[in-house]
């Protein structure tokens, strides 16, 4: 994506059964020399009030999403198992706590592992933590659709953080329809789905991938997975540091960025 297109990186603003669960608790590899999130936020503040912090580019400038610009659409985070997808979502949610008041931005979390998110349960910036195995996930999506339909210019933005797209789509038909609607229409009504998927499962989810023109990639070991998901016959992601380094397309180039560790 070009810096001048509608995905506002705003760099100039400085102005994923036991194996699976074990992987979710894998150690995070910190970015070399990168300060904690709180220190990073303090260093780059103030930021525009509509900016969502995604990380720091290699030049030290923030990578941001403009919550008032729906053009990027929902964001898909793609990486191997235990390569930092959940850590990225957590960092985004915590950055919301540090940068925004709840009346401006809040997060709703859908996950198979709610215990991983227990530190967010009492946050006023979190509307709730929902599990894919329970009916409350269906209730959340229905509530978000209703809120979005009625949103006529409210300044509040809601983040829908879904950790594992594959698990979230194994629900009833109405819930699936609501999720599809939010992926298609949500950002234009200030509901922002930010969704993870394991790279080696993405081929099972082709009908969903088309919803995401904005894709953030973490470490992916297999080159074949990289080629398909990035629509680039030469691009690989096995050189990214698992747990803390990601990349996204920026025009004809790729923008690498780091996610600070939550302190």
C-alpha atoms as a PDB file:
ATOM      1  CA  UNK A   1       0.000   0.000   0.000  1.00  0.00           C
ATOM      2  CA  UNK A   2       1.137   3.460  -0.762  1.00  0.00           C
ATOM      3  CA  UNK A   3       1.596   5.909   2.053  1.00  0.00           C
ATOM      4  CA  UNK A   4      -0.763   8.209   0.210  1.00  0.00           C
ATOM      5  CA  UNK A   5      -3.589   5.658  -0.135  1.00  0.00           C
ATOM      6  CA  UNK A   6      -6.503   5.388   2.233  1.00  0.00           C
ATOM      7  CA  UNK A   7      -4.826   2.963   4.657  1.00  0.00           C
ATOM      8  CA  UNK A   8      -3.451   5.636   6.859  1.00  0.00           C
ATOM      9  CA  UNK A   9      -0.252   4.256   8.233  1.00  0.00           C
ATOM     10  CA  UNK A  10       0.087   7.825   9.321  1.00  0.00           C
ATOM     11  CA  UNK A  11       3.785   7.401   9.839  1.00  0.00           C
ATOM     12  CA  UNK A  12       4.090  11.075   9.612  1.00  0.00           C
ATOM     13  CA  UNK A  13       1.594  11.491  12.430  1.00  0.00           C
ATOM     14  CA  UNK A  14       4.181  11.911  15.109  1.00  0.00           C
ATOM     15  CA  UNK A  15       2.292  14.587  14.468  1.00  0.00           C
ATOM     16  CA  UNK A  16      -4.357 -19.101  17.157  1.00  0.00           C
ATOM     17  CA  UNK A  17      -5.859 -30.266  21.127  1.00  0.00           C
ATOM     18  CA  UNK A  18      -3.143 -29.517  23.493  1.00  0.00           C
ATOM     19  CA  UNK A  19      -0.414 -28.714  21.011  1.00  0.00           C
ATOM     20  CA  UNK A  20      -2.410 -25.737  19.920  1.00  0.00           C
ATOM     21  CA  UNK A  21      -2.969 -24.536  23.463  1.00  0.00           C
ATOM     22  CA  UNK A  22       0.706 -25.017  24.279  1.00  0.00           C
ATOM     23  CA  UNK A  23       1.576 -22.900  21.287  1.00  0.00           C
ATOM     24  CA  UNK A  24      -0.604 -20.119  22.636  1.00  0.00           C
ATOM     25  CA  UNK A  25       1.633 -19.944  25.672  1.00  0.00           C
ATOM     26  CA  UNK A  26       4.882 -19.939  23.730  1.00  0.00           C
ATOM     27  CA  UNK A  27       7.433 -17.352  24.739  1.00  0.00           C
ATOM     28  CA  UNK A  28       7.375 -14.054  23.006  1.00  0.00           C
ATOM     29  CA  UNK A  29      10.594 -12.972  21.361  1.00  0.00           C
ATOM     30  CA  UNK A  30      11.037  -9.319  22.211  1.00  0.00           C
ATOM     31  CA  UNK A  31      12.111  -6.835  19.629  1.00  0.00           C
ATOM     32  CA  UNK A  32      15.790  -6.010  20.017  1.00  0.00           C
ATOM     33  CA  UNK A  33      16.269  -2.745  21.804  1.00  0.00           C
ATOM     34  CA  UNK A  34      12.582  -1.849  21.740  1.00  0.00           C
ATOM     35  CA  UNK A  35      11.057  -0.238  24.789  1.00  0.00           C
ATOM     36  CA  UNK A  36       7.895  -1.483  26.433  1.00  0.00           C
ATOM     37  CA  UNK A  37       4.529  -0.349  25.102  1.00  0.00           C
ATOM     38  CA  UNK A  38       3.986   2.214  27.816  1.00  0.00           C
ATOM     39  CA  UNK A  39       7.378   3.781  27.139  1.00  0.00           C
ATOM     40  CA  UNK A  40       6.790   3.770  23.385  1.00  0.00           C
ATOM     41  CA  UNK A  41       3.405   5.436  23.799  1.00  0.00           C
ATOM     42  CA  UNK A  42       4.912   8.085  26.018  1.00  0.00           C
ATOM     43  CA  UNK A  43       7.620   8.744  23.451  1.00  0.00           C
ATOM     44  CA  UNK A  44       5.339   9.084  20.403  1.00  0.00           C
ATOM     45  CA  UNK A  45       2.488  10.944  22.057  1.00  0.00           C
ATOM     46  CA  UNK A  46       0.496  12.925  21.307  1.00  0.00           C
ATOM     47  CA  UNK A  47      -1.085  11.047  18.423  1.00  0.00           C
ATOM     48  CA  UNK A  48      -4.155  12.013  16.405  1.00  0.00           C
ATOM     49  CA  UNK A  49      -7.286  11.105  18.385  1.00  0.00           C
ATOM     50  CA  UNK A  50      -8.529   8.790  15.613  1.00  0.00           C
ATOM     51  CA  UNK A  51      -5.264   6.828  15.405  1.00  0.00           C
ATOM     52  CA  UNK A  52      -5.034   3.136  16.346  1.00  0.00           C
ATOM     53  CA  UNK A  53      -1.483   2.123  17.223  1.00  0.00           C
ATOM     54  CA  UNK A  54      -0.272  -1.049  15.442  1.00  0.00           C
ATOM     55  CA  UNK A  55       3.458  -0.955  16.081  1.00  0.00           C
ATOM     56  CA  UNK A  56       6.711   0.794  15.328  1.00  0.00           C
ATOM     57  CA  UNK A  57       8.319   0.797  11.903  1.00  0.00           C
ATOM     58  CA  UNK A  58      12.011   0.085  11.581  1.00  0.00           C
ATOM     59  CA  UNK A  59      12.700   3.789  11.414  1.00  0.00           C
ATOM     60  CA  UNK A  60      11.091   4.236  14.826  1.00  0.00           C
ATOM     61  CA  UNK A  61       7.961   5.961  13.598  1.00  0.00           C
ATOM     62  CA  UNK A  62       4.499   4.667  14.555  1.00  0.00           C
ATOM     63  CA  UNK A  63       2.350   2.546  12.266  1.00  0.00           C
ATOM     64  CA  UNK A  64      -1.206   3.723  12.742  1.00  0.00           C
ATOM     65  CA  UNK A  65      -4.698   3.061  11.438  1.00  0.00           C
ATOM     66  CA  UNK A  66      -7.155   5.909  11.038  1.00  0.00           C
ATOM     67  CA  UNK A  67     -10.354   4.668  12.695  1.00  0.00           C
ATOM     68  CA  UNK A  68     -12.380   7.233  10.764  1.00  0.00           C
ATOM     69  CA  UNK A  69     -11.218   5.973   7.348  1.00  0.00           C
ATOM     70  CA  UNK A  70     -13.076   2.748   6.392  1.00  0.00           C
ATOM     71  CA  UNK A  71     -11.223   2.152   3.143  1.00  0.00           C
ATOM     72  CA  UNK A  72      -8.704  -0.412   4.525  1.00  0.00           C
ATOM     73  CA  UNK A  73     -11.555  -2.665   5.636  1.00  0.00           C
ATOM     74  CA  UNK A  74     -11.066  -5.417   8.210  1.00  0.00           C
ATOM     75  CA  UNK A  75      -7.510  -6.459   9.020  1.00  0.00           C
ATOM     76  CA  UNK A  76      -6.286 -10.062   8.771  1.00  0.00           C
ATOM     77  CA  UNK A  77      -3.221 -11.083  10.781  1.00  0.00           C
ATOM     78  CA  UNK A  78      -1.573 -14.166   9.234  1.00  0.00           C
ATOM     79  CA  UNK A  79       1.321 -16.119  10.745  1.00  0.00           C
ATOM     80  CA  UNK A  80       2.390 -19.583  11.839  1.00  0.00           C
ATOM     81  CA  UNK A  81       1.203 -21.024  15.120  1.00  0.00           C
ATOM     82  CA  UNK A  82       2.992 -19.421  18.077  1.00  0.00           C
ATOM     83  CA  UNK A  83       4.324 -16.554  16.002  1.00  0.00           C
ATOM     84  CA  UNK A  84       2.811 -13.639  17.880  1.00  0.00           C
ATOM     85  CA  UNK A  85      -0.700 -13.200  16.488  1.00  0.00           C
ATOM     86  CA  UNK A  86      -2.305 -13.160  19.922  1.00  0.00           C
ATOM     87  CA  UNK A  87       0.452 -10.920  21.252  1.00  0.00           C
ATOM     88  CA  UNK A  88      -0.293  -8.400  18.509  1.00  0.00           C
ATOM     89  CA  UNK A  89      -4.009  -8.337  19.383  1.00  0.00           C
ATOM     90  CA  UNK A  90      -3.189  -7.893  23.065  1.00  0.00           C
ATOM     91  CA  UNK A  91      -0.810  -5.071  22.297  1.00  0.00           C
ATOM     92  CA  UNK A  92      -3.462  -3.309  20.224  1.00  0.00           C
ATOM     93  CA  UNK A  93      -6.042  -3.697  23.009  1.00  0.00           C
ATOM     94  CA  UNK A  94      -3.627  -2.369  25.619  1.00  0.00           C
ATOM     95  CA  UNK A  95      -2.617   0.548  23.414  1.00  0.00           C
ATOM     96  CA  UNK A  96      -6.298   1.456  23.249  1.00  0.00           C
ATOM     97  CA  UNK A  97      -6.325   1.633  27.068  1.00  0.00           C
ATOM     98  CA  UNK A  98      -3.335   3.945  27.052  1.00  0.00           C
ATOM     99  CA  UNK A  99      -4.323   6.212  24.181  1.00  0.00           C
ATOM    100  CA  UNK A 100      -8.115   6.436  24.173  1.00  0.00           C
ATOM    101  CA  UNK A 101     -10.916   6.985  26.640  1.00  0.00           C
ATOM    102  CA  UNK A 102     -13.616   4.260  26.597  1.00  0.00           C
ATOM    103  CA  UNK A 103     -16.220   6.591  25.152  1.00  0.00           C
ATOM    104  CA  UNK A 104     -13.994   6.949  22.082  1.00  0.00           C
ATOM    105  CA  UNK A 105     -12.617   3.414  21.542  1.00  0.00           C
ATOM    106  CA  UNK A 106     -13.410   0.026  23.121  1.00  0.00           C
ATOM    107  CA  UNK A 107     -12.503  -3.588  22.276  1.00  0.00           C
ATOM    108  CA  UNK A 108     -14.526  -6.820  22.210  1.00  0.00           C
ATOM    109  CA  UNK A 109     -12.461 -10.036  22.211  1.00  0.00           C
ATOM    110  CA  UNK A 110     -13.426 -13.433  20.767  1.00  0.00           C
ATOM    111  CA  UNK A 111     -11.000 -16.231  21.643  1.00  0.00           C
ATOM    112  CA  UNK A 112     -10.734 -19.957  22.319  1.00  0.00           C
ATOM    113  CA  UNK A 113      -8.534 -19.214  25.301  1.00  0.00           C
ATOM    114  CA  UNK A 114     -10.196 -16.584  27.499  1.00  0.00           C
ATOM    115  CA  UNK A 115      -7.682 -17.140  30.315  1.00  0.00           C
ATOM    116  CA  UNK A 116      -5.059 -15.517  28.099  1.00  0.00           C
ATOM    117  CA  UNK A 117      -7.081 -12.314  28.274  1.00  0.00           C
ATOM    118  CA  UNK A 118      -7.904 -12.267  31.995  1.00  0.00           C
ATOM    119  CA  UNK A 119      -5.839  -9.123  32.507  1.00  0.00           C
ATOM    120  CA  UNK A 120      -8.316  -7.263  30.294  1.00  0.00           C
ATOM    121  CA  UNK A 121     -11.492  -8.403  32.077  1.00  0.00           C
ATOM    122  CA  UNK A 122     -11.764  -5.372  34.338  1.00  0.00           C
ATOM    123  CA  UNK A 123     -10.698  -2.816  31.785  1.00  0.00           C
ATOM    124  CA  UNK A 124     -13.269  -0.180  30.973  1.00  0.00           C
ATOM    125  CA  UNK A 125     -11.848  -0.231  27.455  1.00  0.00           C
ATOM    126  CA  UNK A 126     -12.966  -3.866  27.008  1.00  0.00           C
ATOM    127  CA  UNK A 127     -16.650  -4.536  26.372  1.00  0.00           C
ATOM    128  CA  UNK A 128     -16.127  -8.233  27.113  1.00  0.00           C
ATOM    129  CA  UNK A 129     -14.177 -11.416  26.456  1.00  0.00           C
ATOM    130  CA  UNK A 130     -16.165 -14.004  24.542  1.00  0.00           C
ATOM    131  CA  UNK A 131     -15.376 -17.648  23.772  1.00  0.00           C
ATOM    132  CA  UNK A 132     -16.062 -19.333  20.454  1.00  0.00           C
ATOM    133  CA  UNK A 133     -17.590 -22.327  22.281  1.00  0.00           C
ATOM    134  CA  UNK A 134     -20.371 -20.344  23.955  1.00  0.00           C
ATOM    135  CA  UNK A 135     -23.518 -18.562  22.839  1.00  0.00           C
ATOM    136  CA  UNK A 136     -22.296 -15.237  24.133  1.00  0.00           C
ATOM    137  CA  UNK A 137     -20.166 -14.877  21.011  1.00  0.00           C
ATOM    138  CA  UNK A 138     -23.346 -14.940  18.920  1.00  0.00           C
ATOM    139  CA  UNK A 139     -24.819 -12.324  21.231  1.00  0.00           C
ATOM    140  CA  UNK A 140     -21.796 -10.078  20.808  1.00  0.00           C
ATOM    141  CA  UNK A 141     -21.894 -10.194  17.016  1.00  0.00           C
ATOM    142  CA  UNK A 142     -25.631  -9.515  16.964  1.00  0.00           C
ATOM    143  CA  UNK A 143     -25.151  -6.580  19.291  1.00  0.00           C
ATOM    144  CA  UNK A 144     -22.394  -5.152  17.123  1.00  0.00           C
ATOM    145  CA  UNK A 145     -24.523  -5.456  13.992  1.00  0.00           C
ATOM    146  CA  UNK A 146     -27.377  -3.668  15.731  1.00  0.00           C
ATOM    147  CA  UNK A 147     -25.043  -0.956  17.048  1.00  0.00           C
ATOM    148  CA  UNK A 148     -23.499  -0.483  13.609  1.00  0.00           C
ATOM    149  CA  UNK A 149     -26.892  -0.221  11.907  1.00  0.00           C
ATOM    150  CA  UNK A 150     -27.861   2.509  14.354  1.00  0.00           C
ATOM    151  CA  UNK A 151     -24.555   4.330  14.257  1.00  0.00           C
ATOM    152  CA  UNK A 152     -25.246   7.604  12.536  1.00  0.00           C
ATOM    153  CA  UNK A 153     -21.963   9.357  12.976  1.00  0.00           C
ATOM    154  CA  UNK A 154     -21.172   8.555  16.607  1.00  0.00           C
ATOM    155  CA  UNK A 155     -17.572   9.277  17.360  1.00  0.00           C
ATOM    156  CA  UNK A 156     -16.983   5.994  19.245  1.00  0.00           C
ATOM    157  CA  UNK A 157     -15.158   3.159  17.461  1.00  0.00           C
ATOM    158  CA  UNK A 158     -15.366  -0.507  18.454  1.00  0.00           C
ATOM    159  CA  UNK A 159     -12.607  -3.028  17.797  1.00  0.00           C
ATOM    160  CA  UNK A 160     -13.681  -6.642  17.206  1.00  0.00           C
ATOM    161  CA  UNK A 161     -10.569  -8.659  18.014  1.00  0.00           C
ATOM    162  CA  UNK A 162     -11.067 -12.258  16.811  1.00  0.00           C
ATOM    163  CA  UNK A 163      -8.223 -14.595  17.711  1.00  0.00           C
ATOM    164  CA  UNK A 164      -8.623 -17.422  15.146  1.00  0.00           C
ATOM    165  CA  UNK A 165     -10.981 -16.845  12.240  1.00  0.00           C
ATOM    166  CA  UNK A 166     -11.357 -20.592  11.669  1.00  0.00           C
ATOM    167  CA  UNK A 167     -12.819 -21.177  15.144  1.00  0.00           C
ATOM    168  CA  UNK A 168     -15.073 -18.151  14.937  1.00  0.00           C
ATOM    169  CA  UNK A 169     -16.714 -19.365  11.730  1.00  0.00           C
ATOM    170  CA  UNK A 170     -17.835 -22.702  13.229  1.00  0.00           C
ATOM    171  CA  UNK A 171     -20.988 -21.180  14.631  1.00  0.00           C
ATOM    172  CA  UNK A 172     -24.663 -21.140  13.664  1.00  0.00           C
ATOM    173  CA  UNK A 173     -25.841 -19.700  10.359  1.00  0.00           C
ATOM    174  CA  UNK A 174     -27.150 -16.432  11.758  1.00  0.00           C
ATOM    175  CA  UNK A 175     -23.912 -15.781  13.607  1.00  0.00           C
ATOM    176  CA  UNK A 176     -21.950 -16.488  10.440  1.00  0.00           C
ATOM    177  CA  UNK A 177     -24.115 -14.025   8.555  1.00  0.00           C
ATOM    178  CA  UNK A 178     -23.520 -11.389  11.208  1.00  0.00           C
ATOM    179  CA  UNK A 179     -19.787 -11.921  11.034  1.00  0.00           C
ATOM    180  CA  UNK A 180     -19.823 -11.613   7.259  1.00  0.00           C
ATOM    181  CA  UNK A 181     -21.806  -8.388   7.529  1.00  0.00           C
ATOM    182  CA  UNK A 182     -19.357  -6.927  10.002  1.00  0.00           C
ATOM    183  CA  UNK A 183     -16.413  -7.828   7.797  1.00  0.00           C
ATOM    184  CA  UNK A 184     -18.114  -6.206   4.826  1.00  0.00           C
ATOM    185  CA  UNK A 185     -19.717  -3.164   6.422  1.00  0.00           C
ATOM    186  CA  UNK A 186     -18.265  -2.788   9.890  1.00  0.00           C
ATOM    187  CA  UNK A 187     -15.431  -0.310   9.276  1.00  0.00           C
ATOM    188  CA  UNK A 188     -17.778   2.130   7.545  1.00  0.00           C
ATOM    189  CA  UNK A 189     -19.817   2.159  10.789  1.00  0.00           C
ATOM    190  CA  UNK A 190     -16.771   2.315  13.074  1.00  0.00           C
ATOM    191  CA  UNK A 191     -16.685  -1.413  13.895  1.00  0.00           C
ATOM    192  CA  UNK A 192     -13.183  -2.644  13.098  1.00  0.00           C
ATOM    193  CA  UNK A 193     -12.626  -6.442  12.861  1.00  0.00           C
ATOM    194  CA  UNK A 194      -8.980  -7.367  13.437  1.00  0.00           C
ATOM    195  CA  UNK A 195      -8.747 -11.123  12.915  1.00  0.00           C
ATOM    196  CA  UNK A 196      -6.007 -13.767  13.167  1.00  0.00           C
ATOM    197  CA  UNK A 197      -5.549 -16.987  11.209  1.00  0.00           C
ATOM    198  CA  UNK A 198      -2.861 -19.662  11.171  1.00  0.00           C
ATOM    199  CA  UNK A 199      -1.057 -19.576   7.858  1.00  0.00           C
ATOM    200  CA  UNK A 200      -1.212 -23.339   7.276  1.00  0.00           C
ATOM    201  CA  UNK A 201      -5.007 -23.336   7.752  1.00  0.00           C
ATOM    202  CA  UNK A 202      -5.739 -20.432   5.457  1.00  0.00           C
ATOM    203  CA  UNK A 203      -6.295 -22.654   2.417  1.00  0.00           C
ATOM    204  CA  UNK A 204      -9.394 -23.997   4.223  1.00  0.00           C
ATOM    205  CA  UNK A 205     -10.779 -20.498   4.532  1.00  0.00           C
ATOM    206  CA  UNK A 206     -10.624 -19.210   0.972  1.00  0.00           C
ATOM    207  CA  UNK A 207     -14.235 -17.998   0.975  1.00  0.00           C
ATOM    208  CA  UNK A 208     -13.399 -15.728   3.903  1.00  0.00           C
ATOM    209  CA  UNK A 209     -10.064 -14.400   2.770  1.00  0.00           C
ATOM    210  CA  UNK A 210     -11.593 -12.159   0.133  1.00  0.00           C
ATOM    211  CA  UNK A 211     -13.045  -9.965   2.874  1.00  0.00           C
ATOM    212  CA  UNK A 212      -9.531  -8.857   3.775  1.00  0.00           C
ATOM    213  CA  UNK A 213      -7.615  -6.605   1.464  1.00  0.00           C
ATOM    214  CA  UNK A 214      -5.488  -5.422   4.371  1.00  0.00           C
ATOM    215  CA  UNK A 215      -3.240  -8.253   5.570  1.00  0.00           C
ATOM    216  CA  UNK A 216      -0.548  -8.177   8.236  1.00  0.00           C
ATOM    217  CA  UNK A 217       1.969 -11.018   8.083  1.00  0.00           C
ATOM    218  CA  UNK A 218       4.073 -12.501  10.849  1.00  0.00           C
ATOM    219  CA  UNK A 219       6.605 -15.330  10.676  1.00  0.00           C
ATOM    220  CA  UNK A 220       5.574 -17.998   8.117  1.00  0.00           C
ATOM    221  CA  UNK A 221       8.083 -20.793   7.625  1.00  0.00           C
ATOM    222  CA  UNK A 222       6.644 -22.436   4.497  1.00  0.00           C
ATOM    223  CA  UNK A 223       7.240 -20.436   1.349  1.00  0.00           C
ATOM    224  CA  UNK A 224       4.219 -21.932  -0.410  1.00  0.00           C
ATOM    225  CA  UNK A 225       1.874 -20.498   2.211  1.00  0.00           C
ATOM    226  CA  UNK A 226       3.533 -17.118   1.860  1.00  0.00           C
ATOM    227  CA  UNK A 227       3.215 -16.946  -1.905  1.00  0.00           C
ATOM    228  CA  UNK A 228      -0.526 -17.693  -1.886  1.00  0.00           C
ATOM    229  CA  UNK A 229      -1.491 -15.432   0.983  1.00  0.00           C
ATOM    230  CA  UNK A 230       0.586 -12.478  -0.129  1.00  0.00           C
ATOM    231  CA  UNK A 231      -0.322 -12.751  -3.818  1.00  0.00           C
ATOM    232  CA  UNK A 232       3.364 -12.352  -4.478  1.00  0.00           C
ATOM    233  CA  UNK A 233       5.334 -15.187  -6.141  1.00  0.00           C
ATOM    234  CA  UNK A 234       8.579 -14.045  -4.570  1.00  0.00           C
ATOM    235  CA  UNK A 235       7.595 -12.921  -1.075  1.00  0.00           C
ATOM    236  CA  UNK A 236       8.537 -14.987   1.983  1.00  0.00           C
ATOM    237  CA  UNK A 237       8.098 -14.232   5.677  1.00  0.00           C
ATOM    238  CA  UNK A 238      10.461 -16.769   7.287  1.00  0.00           C
ATOM    239  CA  UNK A 239      12.939 -14.036   8.113  1.00  0.00           C
ATOM    240  CA  UNK A 240      10.547 -12.197  10.440  1.00  0.00           C
ATOM    241  CA  UNK A 241      11.197 -12.574  14.168  1.00  0.00           C
ATOM    242  CA  UNK A 242       8.422 -14.817  15.605  1.00  0.00           C
ATOM    243  CA  UNK A 243       6.415 -13.089  18.266  1.00  0.00           C
ATOM    244  CA  UNK A 244       7.145  -9.462  17.663  1.00  0.00           C
ATOM    245  CA  UNK A 245       7.876  -8.606  14.025  1.00  0.00           C
ATOM    246  CA  UNK A 246       5.282  -8.166  11.308  1.00  0.00           C
ATOM    247  CA  UNK A 247       5.037  -6.736   7.832  1.00  0.00           C
ATOM    248  CA  UNK A 248       2.424  -5.343   5.487  1.00  0.00           C
ATOM    249  CA  UNK A 249       2.356  -4.243   1.892  1.00  0.00           C
ATOM    250  CA  UNK A 250       3.070  -0.610   1.235  1.00  0.00           C
ATOM    251  CA  UNK A 251       2.603   0.028  -2.469  1.00  0.00           C
ATOM    252  CA  UNK A 252       5.164  -2.117  -4.241  1.00  0.00           C
ATOM    253  CA  UNK A 253       7.199  -2.502  -1.068  1.00  0.00           C
ATOM    254  CA  UNK A 254       6.780  -4.071   2.358  1.00  0.00           C
ATOM    255  CA  UNK A 255       6.710  -2.200   5.637  1.00  0.00           C
ATOM    256  CA  UNK A 256       8.264  -4.151   8.509  1.00  0.00           C
ATOM    257  CA  UNK A 257       7.275  -3.183  12.034  1.00  0.00           C
ATOM    258  CA  UNK A 258       7.741  -4.293  15.629  1.00  0.00           C
ATOM    259  CA  UNK A 259       5.170  -4.693  18.402  1.00  0.00           C
ATOM    260  CA  UNK A 260       6.330  -3.445  21.801  1.00  0.00           C
ATOM    261  CA  UNK A 261       5.973  -5.804  24.733  1.00  0.00           C
ATOM    262  CA  UNK A 262       3.195  -5.080  27.192  1.00  0.00           C
ATOM    263  CA  UNK A 263       4.594  -4.009  30.551  1.00  0.00           C
END
